Amino acid sequence: MFVIFSKQVLAIGLLCMMFSVVISKPKKKQKKPTCSERVNNAKMMIRNLPVLEEECNATFNLNKIPPPVNVNAVWTTYVRWGRTVCPDTAELFYEGIAGGSSHSHSGSGANYVCLPKKPEWGKIIAGLGGSGAYMYGAEYELTSGHSNPFLATNAPNTGNADSLHDNDVPCVVCQIPRGVSMVPARHSCPTGWTLEYKGYLVADHHTHPRSAVFECMDEAPETTQGGHASQNGALFYSVQAVCGSLPCPDYIQGGELTCAVCSK
């Protein structure tokens, strides 16, 4: 009888053990480190590499180690003048049309602006009051007689860059998770920088009352559909070098100045 009872107790014990295994909760998986924690760990390892090299008699080529991802990157914007699309290196912020003050006015703003295609309005006082600043659309002033170094790839008449003349100028605002700078008189970027786009410097004519900020126009500009009538307003001319204070022959008298928009 004692033997039978012991067997029953043993069987019940085994059943309880099996049941406890079935109902027991699985262990929690270890929480995966955040991106910030992983980047900080990688930075710590890179800082400790010299000690590791000395202790283990090993050599690491840091030039082959990619830089850590900047998870807190600040996005900046730039205007790609004369184009309707951003380069592959950037994302679209908005597409627009170029504008600025009239070439014949000495007042209003000095800079060109990329205006959105669909403006939003607040309170409107009808009619030009004559007491404020004016915003005009912008046109290309690019013919053989006006110094036209641009490619005709996207011109209205492909192969004829002069067909850009008097057409309205499109623009697009692009965004990137890094800093950006325009380099005048260069078609390439410094080592370690990314070329966003290249082109030629533009501004208003040197005899006009209006002074405009120098901008970088894409080397293969497009035009705004239906905007081929000569309305003037804000104007874009290519920029030529003048020897004297500019050192020549590094600079060339009358040479159209290039430009590059670079990011890092």
C-alpha atoms as a PDB file:
ATOM      1  CA  MET A   1       0.000   0.000   0.000  1.00  0.00           C
ATOM      2  CA  PHE A   2       2.843   2.313   0.840  1.00  0.00           C
ATOM      3  CA  VAL A   3       4.479   1.560  -2.502  1.00  0.00           C
ATOM      4  CA  ILE A   4       1.264   2.336  -4.405  1.00  0.00           C
ATOM      5  CA  PHE A   5       0.826   5.601  -2.498  1.00  0.00           C
ATOM      6  CA  SER A   6       4.404   6.634  -3.200  1.00  0.00           C
ATOM      7  CA  LYS A   7       3.889   6.015  -6.905  1.00  0.00           C
ATOM      8  CA  GLN A   8       0.784   8.178  -6.872  1.00  0.00           C
ATOM      9  CA  VAL A   9       2.631  10.999  -5.086  1.00  0.00           C
ATOM     10  CA  LEU A  10       5.476  10.755  -7.579  1.00  0.00           C
ATOM     11  CA  ALA A  11       3.080  10.902 -10.538  1.00  0.00           C
ATOM     12  CA  ILE A  12       1.297  13.914  -9.103  1.00  0.00           C
ATOM     13  CA  GLY A  13       4.657  15.644  -8.541  1.00  0.00           C
ATOM     14  CA  LEU A  14       5.730  15.040 -12.125  1.00  0.00           C
ATOM     15  CA  LEU A  15       2.424  16.394 -13.422  1.00  0.00           C
ATOM     16  CA  CYS A  16       2.836  19.527 -11.304  1.00  0.00           C
ATOM     17  CA  MET A  17       6.338  20.073 -12.633  1.00  0.00           C
ATOM     18  CA  MET A  18       5.152  19.708 -16.247  1.00  0.00           C
ATOM     19  CA  PHE A  19       2.260  22.076 -15.624  1.00  0.00           C
ATOM     20  CA  SER A  20       4.529  24.684 -14.062  1.00  0.00           C
ATOM     21  CA  VAL A  21       6.815  24.552 -17.121  1.00  0.00           C
ATOM     22  CA  VAL A  22       3.850  25.067 -19.466  1.00  0.00           C
ATOM     23  CA  ILE A  23       2.361  28.014 -17.592  1.00  0.00           C
ATOM     24  CA  SER A  24       5.632  29.691 -16.690  1.00  0.00           C
ATOM     25  CA  LYS A  25       6.121  33.040 -18.442  1.00  0.00           C
ATOM     26  CA  PRO A  26       8.877  33.283 -21.040  1.00  0.00           C
ATOM     27  CA  LYS A  27      11.836  35.395 -20.106  1.00  0.00           C
ATOM     28  CA  LYS A  28      11.738  38.983 -21.305  1.00  0.00           C
ATOM     29  CA  LYS A  29      13.909  39.698 -24.291  1.00  0.00           C
ATOM     30  CA  GLN A  30      16.702  42.136 -23.624  1.00  0.00           C
ATOM     31  CA  LYS A  31      15.735  45.599 -24.799  1.00  0.00           C
ATOM     32  CA  LYS A  32      17.547  46.628 -27.988  1.00  0.00           C
ATOM     33  CA  PRO A  33      19.703  49.749 -27.498  1.00  0.00           C
ATOM     34  CA  THR A  34      18.413  52.923 -29.117  1.00  0.00           C
ATOM     35  CA  CYS A  35      20.157  54.457 -32.134  1.00  0.00           C
ATOM     36  CA  SER A  36      21.621  57.179 -29.919  1.00  0.00           C
ATOM     37  CA  GLU A  37      23.029  54.564 -27.510  1.00  0.00           C
ATOM     38  CA  ARG A  38      24.505  52.547 -30.370  1.00  0.00           C
ATOM     39  CA  VAL A  39      26.113  55.641 -31.947  1.00  0.00           C
ATOM     40  CA  ASN A  40      27.570  56.681 -28.568  1.00  0.00           C
ATOM     41  CA  ASN A  41      28.955  53.169 -28.047  1.00  0.00           C
ATOM     42  CA  ALA A  42      30.571  53.285 -31.479  1.00  0.00           C
ATOM     43  CA  LYS A  43      32.122  56.679 -30.718  1.00  0.00           C
ATOM     44  CA  MET A  44      33.467  55.303 -27.420  1.00  0.00           C
ATOM     45  CA  MET A  45      35.038  52.348 -29.229  1.00  0.00           C
ATOM     46  CA  ILE A  46      36.695  54.657 -31.783  1.00  0.00           C
ATOM     47  CA  ARG A  47      38.106  56.830 -28.988  1.00  0.00           C
ATOM     48  CA  ASN A  48      39.531  53.710 -27.277  1.00  0.00           C
ATOM     49  CA  LEU A  49      41.156  52.339 -30.453  1.00  0.00           C
ATOM     50  CA  PRO A  50      44.635  53.785 -29.699  1.00  0.00           C
ATOM     51  CA  VAL A  51      44.719  51.975 -26.333  1.00  0.00           C
ATOM     52  CA  LEU A  52      43.502  48.763 -27.949  1.00  0.00           C
ATOM     53  CA  GLU A  53      46.151  49.023 -30.696  1.00  0.00           C
ATOM     54  CA  GLU A  54      48.908  49.418 -28.111  1.00  0.00           C
ATOM     55  CA  GLU A  55      47.720  46.630 -25.788  1.00  0.00           C
ATOM     56  CA  CYS A  56      46.967  44.119 -28.553  1.00  0.00           C
ATOM     57  CA  ASN A  57      49.692  45.133 -31.028  1.00  0.00           C
ATOM     58  CA  ALA A  58      47.058  45.695 -33.723  1.00  0.00           C
ATOM     59  CA  THR A  59      46.466  48.378 -36.351  1.00  0.00           C
ATOM     60  CA  PHE A  60      43.100  49.756 -37.421  1.00  0.00           C
ATOM     61  CA  ASN A  61      42.595  51.844 -40.567  1.00  0.00           C
ATOM     62  CA  LEU A  62      40.113  54.520 -39.488  1.00  0.00           C
ATOM     63  CA  ASN A  63      39.823  55.795 -43.074  1.00  0.00           C
ATOM     64  CA  LYS A  64      37.867  52.644 -43.892  1.00  0.00           C
ATOM     65  CA  ILE A  65      35.500  53.036 -40.953  1.00  0.00           C
ATOM     66  CA  PRO A  66      32.390  55.042 -42.000  1.00  0.00           C
ATOM     67  CA  PRO A  67      31.480  57.982 -39.770  1.00  0.00           C
ATOM     68  CA  PRO A  68      28.684  57.382 -37.249  1.00  0.00           C
ATOM     69  CA  VAL A  69      25.171  58.275 -38.374  1.00  0.00           C
ATOM     70  CA  ASN A  70      24.048  61.641 -37.046  1.00  0.00           C
ATOM     71  CA  VAL A  71      20.594  60.758 -35.749  1.00  0.00           C
ATOM     72  CA  ASN A  72      20.018  64.365 -34.664  1.00  0.00           C
ATOM     73  CA  ALA A  73      20.907  65.981 -38.011  1.00  0.00           C
ATOM     74  CA  VAL A  74      19.501  69.454 -38.614  1.00  0.00           C
ATOM     75  CA  TRP A  75      17.901  69.793 -42.057  1.00  0.00           C
ATOM     76  CA  THR A  76      18.832  72.793 -44.178  1.00  0.00           C
ATOM     77  CA  THR A  77      17.439  74.087 -47.459  1.00  0.00           C
ATOM     78  CA  TYR A  78      18.822  75.613 -50.625  1.00  0.00           C
ATOM     79  CA  VAL A  79      17.333  76.888 -53.880  1.00  0.00           C
ATOM     80  CA  ARG A  80      18.148  75.222 -57.164  1.00  0.00           C
ATOM     81  CA  TRP A  81      17.648  78.163 -59.505  1.00  0.00           C
ATOM     82  CA  GLY A  82      16.374  77.393 -62.992  1.00  0.00           C
ATOM     83  CA  ARG A  83      15.178  73.856 -62.295  1.00  0.00           C
ATOM     84  CA  THR A  84      11.934  72.145 -61.282  1.00  0.00           C
ATOM     85  CA  VAL A  85      13.457  69.049 -59.625  1.00  0.00           C
ATOM     86  CA  CYS A  86      15.954  68.514 -56.809  1.00  0.00           C
ATOM     87  CA  PRO A  87      19.151  66.518 -57.330  1.00  0.00           C
ATOM     88  CA  ASP A  88      19.274  62.886 -56.193  1.00  0.00           C
ATOM     89  CA  THR A  89      21.223  64.073 -53.149  1.00  0.00           C
ATOM     90  CA  ALA A  90      18.252  66.035 -51.761  1.00  0.00           C
ATOM     91  CA  GLU A  91      14.522  65.908 -51.082  1.00  0.00           C
ATOM     92  CA  LEU A  92      11.882  68.279 -52.404  1.00  0.00           C
ATOM     93  CA  PHE A  93      10.683  70.991 -50.018  1.00  0.00           C
ATOM     94  CA  TYR A  94       8.583  72.885 -52.571  1.00  0.00           C
ATOM     95  CA  GLU A  95       8.586  73.800 -56.245  1.00  0.00           C
ATOM     96  CA  GLY A  96       8.239  77.441 -57.182  1.00  0.00           C
ATOM     97  CA  ILE A  97       8.807  80.388 -59.481  1.00  0.00           C
ATOM     98  CA  ALA A  98      11.633  82.914 -59.247  1.00  0.00           C
ATOM     99  CA  GLY A  99      10.790  86.457 -58.248  1.00  0.00           C
ATOM    100  CA  GLY A 100      12.346  89.694 -57.101  1.00  0.00           C
ATOM    101  CA  SER A 101      12.307  93.464 -57.413  1.00  0.00           C
ATOM    102  CA  SER A 102      12.059  95.162 -60.799  1.00  0.00           C
ATOM    103  CA  HIS A 103      15.356  95.743 -62.572  1.00  0.00           C
ATOM    104  CA  SER A 104      14.317  99.381 -63.069  1.00  0.00           C
ATOM    105  CA  HIS A 105      13.603 100.129 -59.387  1.00  0.00           C
ATOM    106  CA  SER A 106      16.228 101.235 -56.893  1.00  0.00           C
ATOM    107  CA  GLY A 107      14.166 100.145 -53.901  1.00  0.00           C
ATOM    108  CA  SER A 108      12.374  96.990 -52.671  1.00  0.00           C
ATOM    109  CA  GLY A 109      14.317  93.826 -51.869  1.00  0.00           C
ATOM    110  CA  ALA A 110      17.792  93.098 -53.213  1.00  0.00           C
ATOM    111  CA  ASN A 111      17.546  89.304 -53.207  1.00  0.00           C
ATOM    112  CA  TYR A 112      15.864  86.894 -55.588  1.00  0.00           C
ATOM    113  CA  VAL A 113      13.261  84.647 -53.939  1.00  0.00           C
ATOM    114  CA  CYS A 114      11.744  81.292 -54.844  1.00  0.00           C
ATOM    115  CA  LEU A 115       7.992  81.870 -54.545  1.00  0.00           C
ATOM    116  CA  PRO A 116       5.641  78.891 -54.113  1.00  0.00           C
ATOM    117  CA  LYS A 117       3.313  78.198 -57.012  1.00  0.00           C
ATOM    118  CA  LYS A 118       0.224  78.325 -54.788  1.00  0.00           C
ATOM    119  CA  PRO A 119       0.397  81.344 -52.428  1.00  0.00           C
ATOM    120  CA  GLU A 120      -1.751  81.708 -49.315  1.00  0.00           C
ATOM    121  CA  TRP A 121      -3.214  85.152 -48.636  1.00  0.00           C
ATOM    122  CA  GLY A 122      -4.153  87.089 -45.542  1.00  0.00           C
ATOM    123  CA  LYS A 123      -5.866  90.495 -45.583  1.00  0.00           C
ATOM    124  CA  ILE A 124      -5.741  92.118 -49.047  1.00  0.00           C
ATOM    125  CA  ILE A 125      -5.948  95.861 -49.721  1.00  0.00           C
ATOM    126  CA  ALA A 126      -7.001  96.040 -53.385  1.00  0.00           C
ATOM    127  CA  GLY A 127      -4.733  97.793 -55.873  1.00  0.00           C
ATOM    128  CA  LEU A 128      -1.068  98.812 -55.829  1.00  0.00           C
ATOM    129  CA  GLY A 129      -0.878 101.578 -53.264  1.00  0.00           C
ATOM    130  CA  GLY A 130       2.413 103.002 -54.460  1.00  0.00           C
ATOM    131  CA  SER A 131       3.774 103.106 -50.916  1.00  0.00           C
ATOM    132  CA  GLY A 132       5.127  99.548 -50.559  1.00  0.00           C
ATOM    133  CA  ALA A 133       7.666  97.134 -51.983  1.00  0.00           C
ATOM    134  CA  TYR A 134       6.822  95.260 -55.187  1.00  0.00           C
ATOM    135  CA  MET A 135       7.437  91.637 -56.131  1.00  0.00           C
ATOM    136  CA  TYR A 136       7.842  90.716 -59.812  1.00  0.00           C
ATOM    137  CA  GLY A 137       8.427  87.468 -61.593  1.00  0.00           C
ATOM    138  CA  ALA A 138      11.894  86.817 -62.991  1.00  0.00           C
ATOM    139  CA  GLU A 139      13.078  86.222 -66.572  1.00  0.00           C
ATOM    140  CA  TYR A 140      16.240  85.013 -68.230  1.00  0.00           C
ATOM    141  CA  GLU A 141      18.229  87.681 -70.043  1.00  0.00           C
ATOM    142  CA  LEU A 142      20.412  85.204 -71.910  1.00  0.00           C
ATOM    143  CA  THR A 143      21.273  85.618 -75.566  1.00  0.00           C
ATOM    144  CA  SER A 144      24.518  85.531 -77.485  1.00  0.00           C
ATOM    145  CA  GLY A 145      24.654  89.301 -77.095  1.00  0.00           C
ATOM    146  CA  HIS A 146      24.013  89.016 -73.349  1.00  0.00           C
ATOM    147  CA  SER A 147      26.690  86.400 -72.650  1.00  0.00           C
ATOM    148  CA  ASN A 148      25.017  83.000 -72.495  1.00  0.00           C
ATOM    149  CA  PRO A 149      27.218  80.134 -71.223  1.00  0.00           C
ATOM    150  CA  PHE A 150      24.332  77.815 -70.268  1.00  0.00           C
ATOM    151  CA  LEU A 151      23.581  74.390 -71.709  1.00  0.00           C
ATOM    152  CA  ALA A 152      20.573  74.042 -73.999  1.00  0.00           C
ATOM    153  CA  THR A 153      19.623  70.601 -72.620  1.00  0.00           C
ATOM    154  CA  ASN A 154      16.393  71.878 -71.054  1.00  0.00           C
ATOM    155  CA  ALA A 155      15.874  74.984 -73.190  1.00  0.00           C
ATOM    156  CA  PRO A 156      12.563  75.462 -75.060  1.00  0.00           C
ATOM    157  CA  ASN A 157      14.407  74.742 -78.308  1.00  0.00           C
ATOM    158  CA  THR A 158      16.759  71.920 -77.435  1.00  0.00           C
ATOM    159  CA  GLY A 159      20.189  72.704 -78.815  1.00  0.00           C
ATOM    160  CA  ASN A 160      19.616  76.470 -78.775  1.00  0.00           C
ATOM    161  CA  ALA A 161      20.477  78.040 -75.417  1.00  0.00           C
ATOM    162  CA  ASP A 162      19.378  81.463 -76.688  1.00  0.00           C
ATOM    163  CA  SER A 163      15.784  80.187 -76.615  1.00  0.00           C
ATOM    164  CA  LEU A 164      15.947  80.631 -72.832  1.00  0.00           C
ATOM    165  CA  HIS A 165      15.847  84.409 -73.356  1.00  0.00           C
ATOM    166  CA  ASP A 166      12.795  86.241 -71.918  1.00  0.00           C
ATOM    167  CA  ASN A 167      11.338  83.021 -70.499  1.00  0.00           C
ATOM    168  CA  ASP A 168      10.143  82.935 -66.888  1.00  0.00           C
ATOM    169  CA  VAL A 169      12.484  81.228 -64.424  1.00  0.00           C
ATOM    170  CA  PRO A 170      11.422  78.211 -62.348  1.00  0.00           C
ATOM    171  CA  CYS A 171      13.066  77.225 -59.073  1.00  0.00           C
ATOM    172  CA  VAL A 172      12.849  74.483 -56.512  1.00  0.00           C
ATOM    173  CA  VAL A 173      13.686  74.491 -52.801  1.00  0.00           C
ATOM    174  CA  CYS A 174      15.522  71.332 -51.736  1.00  0.00           C
ATOM    175  CA  GLN A 175      16.223  69.996 -48.246  1.00  0.00           C
ATOM    176  CA  ILE A 176      19.173  67.975 -46.932  1.00  0.00           C
ATOM    177  CA  PRO A 177      20.233  66.703 -43.461  1.00  0.00           C
ATOM    178  CA  ARG A 178      23.558  68.607 -43.548  1.00  0.00           C
ATOM    179  CA  GLY A 179      24.999  72.071 -44.050  1.00  0.00           C
ATOM    180  CA  VAL A 180      25.184  73.747 -47.443  1.00  0.00           C
ATOM    181  CA  SER A 181      27.284  76.466 -49.055  1.00  0.00           C
ATOM    182  CA  MET A 182      27.572  78.056 -52.490  1.00  0.00           C
ATOM    183  CA  VAL A 183      31.112  78.276 -53.872  1.00  0.00           C
ATOM    184  CA  PRO A 184      31.524  80.998 -56.547  1.00  0.00           C
ATOM    185  CA  ALA A 185      33.954  80.636 -59.452  1.00  0.00           C
ATOM    186  CA  ARG A 186      34.170  76.843 -59.021  1.00  0.00           C
ATOM    187  CA  HIS A 187      32.448  73.896 -60.703  1.00  0.00           C
ATOM    188  CA  SER A 188      33.509  71.394 -58.047  1.00  0.00           C
ATOM    189  CA  CYS A 189      33.377  71.076 -54.258  1.00  0.00           C
ATOM    190  CA  PRO A 190      36.209  70.855 -51.710  1.00  0.00           C
ATOM    191  CA  THR A 191      37.331  67.375 -50.677  1.00  0.00           C
ATOM    192  CA  GLY A 192      34.799  65.714 -48.391  1.00  0.00           C
ATOM    193  CA  TRP A 193      31.868  67.795 -49.648  1.00  0.00           C
ATOM    194  CA  THR A 194      28.961  66.608 -51.802  1.00  0.00           C
ATOM    195  CA  LEU A 195      28.120  68.440 -55.028  1.00  0.00           C
ATOM    196  CA  GLU A 196      24.412  69.291 -55.035  1.00  0.00           C
ATOM    197  CA  TYR A 197      24.490  71.048 -58.414  1.00  0.00           C
ATOM    198  CA  LYS A 198      26.744  73.295 -60.484  1.00  0.00           C
ATOM    199  CA  GLY A 199      26.140  76.170 -62.848  1.00  0.00           C
ATOM    200  CA  TYR A 200      26.941  79.833 -63.441  1.00  0.00           C
ATOM    201  CA  LEU A 201      26.671  82.932 -61.276  1.00  0.00           C
ATOM    202  CA  VAL A 202      23.772  85.256 -62.093  1.00  0.00           C
ATOM    203  CA  ALA A 203      22.695  88.711 -60.969  1.00  0.00           C
ATOM    204  CA  ASP A 204      21.068  91.848 -62.396  1.00  0.00           C
ATOM    205  CA  HIS A 205      22.704  93.956 -65.118  1.00  0.00           C
ATOM    206  CA  HIS A 206      25.517  96.197 -63.891  1.00  0.00           C
ATOM    207  CA  THR A 207      23.825  99.345 -65.263  1.00  0.00           C
ATOM    208  CA  HIS A 208      20.401  98.766 -63.690  1.00  0.00           C
ATOM    209  CA  PRO A 209      19.348 100.752 -60.589  1.00  0.00           C
ATOM    210  CA  ARG A 210      18.611  97.519 -58.764  1.00  0.00           C
ATOM    211  CA  SER A 211      21.467  95.581 -57.167  1.00  0.00           C
ATOM    212  CA  ALA A 212      20.756  91.863 -56.735  1.00  0.00           C
ATOM    213  CA  VAL A 213      22.409  89.168 -54.639  1.00  0.00           C
ATOM    214  CA  PHE A 214      24.604  86.818 -56.668  1.00  0.00           C
ATOM    215  CA  GLU A 215      22.969  83.401 -57.056  1.00  0.00           C
ATOM    216  CA  CYS A 216      23.968  80.077 -58.610  1.00  0.00           C
ATOM    217  CA  MET A 217      21.860  79.201 -61.660  1.00  0.00           C
ATOM    218  CA  ASP A 218      21.841  75.531 -62.700  1.00  0.00           C
ATOM    219  CA  GLU A 219      24.016  74.927 -65.784  1.00  0.00           C
ATOM    220  CA  ALA A 220      21.072  73.393 -67.702  1.00  0.00           C
ATOM    221  CA  PRO A 221      18.127  75.649 -66.802  1.00  0.00           C
ATOM    222  CA  GLU A 222      14.474  74.971 -67.560  1.00  0.00           C
ATOM    223  CA  THR A 223      11.683  77.448 -68.257  1.00  0.00           C
ATOM    224  CA  THR A 224       8.205  77.979 -66.843  1.00  0.00           C
ATOM    225  CA  GLN A 225       5.503  76.702 -69.184  1.00  0.00           C
ATOM    226  CA  GLY A 226       3.673  79.528 -70.924  1.00  0.00           C
ATOM    227  CA  GLY A 227       5.985  82.209 -69.541  1.00  0.00           C
ATOM    228  CA  HIS A 228       7.797  83.236 -72.702  1.00  0.00           C
ATOM    229  CA  ALA A 229       6.500  86.810 -73.091  1.00  0.00           C
ATOM    230  CA  SER A 230       8.975  89.609 -72.337  1.00  0.00           C
ATOM    231  CA  GLN A 231       7.510  91.205 -69.206  1.00  0.00           C
ATOM    232  CA  ASN A 232      10.886  92.081 -67.678  1.00  0.00           C
ATOM    233  CA  GLY A 233      10.489  92.560 -63.907  1.00  0.00           C
ATOM    234  CA  ALA A 234      13.342  90.812 -62.085  1.00  0.00           C
ATOM    235  CA  LEU A 235      16.064  89.713 -64.500  1.00  0.00           C
ATOM    236  CA  PHE A 236      18.877  87.153 -64.498  1.00  0.00           C
ATOM    237  CA  TYR A 237      22.131  87.904 -66.332  1.00  0.00           C
ATOM    238  CA  SER A 238      25.298  85.846 -66.269  1.00  0.00           C
ATOM    239  CA  VAL A 239      28.211  87.326 -64.313  1.00  0.00           C
ATOM    240  CA  GLN A 240      31.532  88.155 -65.991  1.00  0.00           C
ATOM    241  CA  ALA A 241      34.920  88.644 -64.357  1.00  0.00           C
ATOM    242  CA  VAL A 242      36.708  92.004 -64.615  1.00  0.00           C
ATOM    243  CA  CYS A 243      40.488  92.034 -64.319  1.00  0.00           C
ATOM    244  CA  GLY A 244      42.132  94.621 -62.094  1.00  0.00           C
ATOM    245  CA  SER A 245      41.443  93.945 -58.449  1.00  0.00           C
ATOM    246  CA  LEU A 246      40.663  90.372 -59.543  1.00  0.00           C
ATOM    247  CA  PRO A 247      43.985  88.632 -60.251  1.00  0.00           C
ATOM    248  CA  CYS A 248      44.452  87.673 -63.884  1.00  0.00           C
ATOM    249  CA  PRO A 249      45.339  85.383 -65.636  1.00  0.00           C
ATOM    250  CA  ASP A 250      43.832  83.132 -62.909  1.00  0.00           C
ATOM    251  CA  TYR A 251      40.630  85.038 -63.659  1.00  0.00           C
ATOM    252  CA  ILE A 252      39.829  85.853 -67.292  1.00  0.00           C
ATOM    253  CA  GLN A 253      38.596  89.229 -68.452  1.00  0.00           C
ATOM    254  CA  GLY A 254      34.951  88.777 -69.484  1.00  0.00           C
ATOM    255  CA  GLY A 255      34.883  85.115 -68.441  1.00  0.00           C
ATOM    256  CA  GLU A 256      31.502  83.844 -67.208  1.00  0.00           C
ATOM    257  CA  LEU A 257      31.913  82.867 -63.558  1.00  0.00           C
ATOM    258  CA  THR A 258      30.889  79.343 -62.584  1.00  0.00           C
ATOM    259  CA  CYS A 259      29.457  78.223 -59.255  1.00  0.00           C
ATOM    260  CA  ALA A 260      28.827  75.070 -57.239  1.00  0.00           C
ATOM    261  CA  VAL A 261      26.387  74.342 -54.410  1.00  0.00           C
ATOM    262  CA  CYS A 262      28.064  71.984 -51.934  1.00  0.00           C
ATOM    263  CA  SER A 263      26.918  70.198 -48.796  1.00  0.00           C
ATOM    264  CA  LYS A 264      28.518  68.402 -45.852  1.00  0.00           C
END
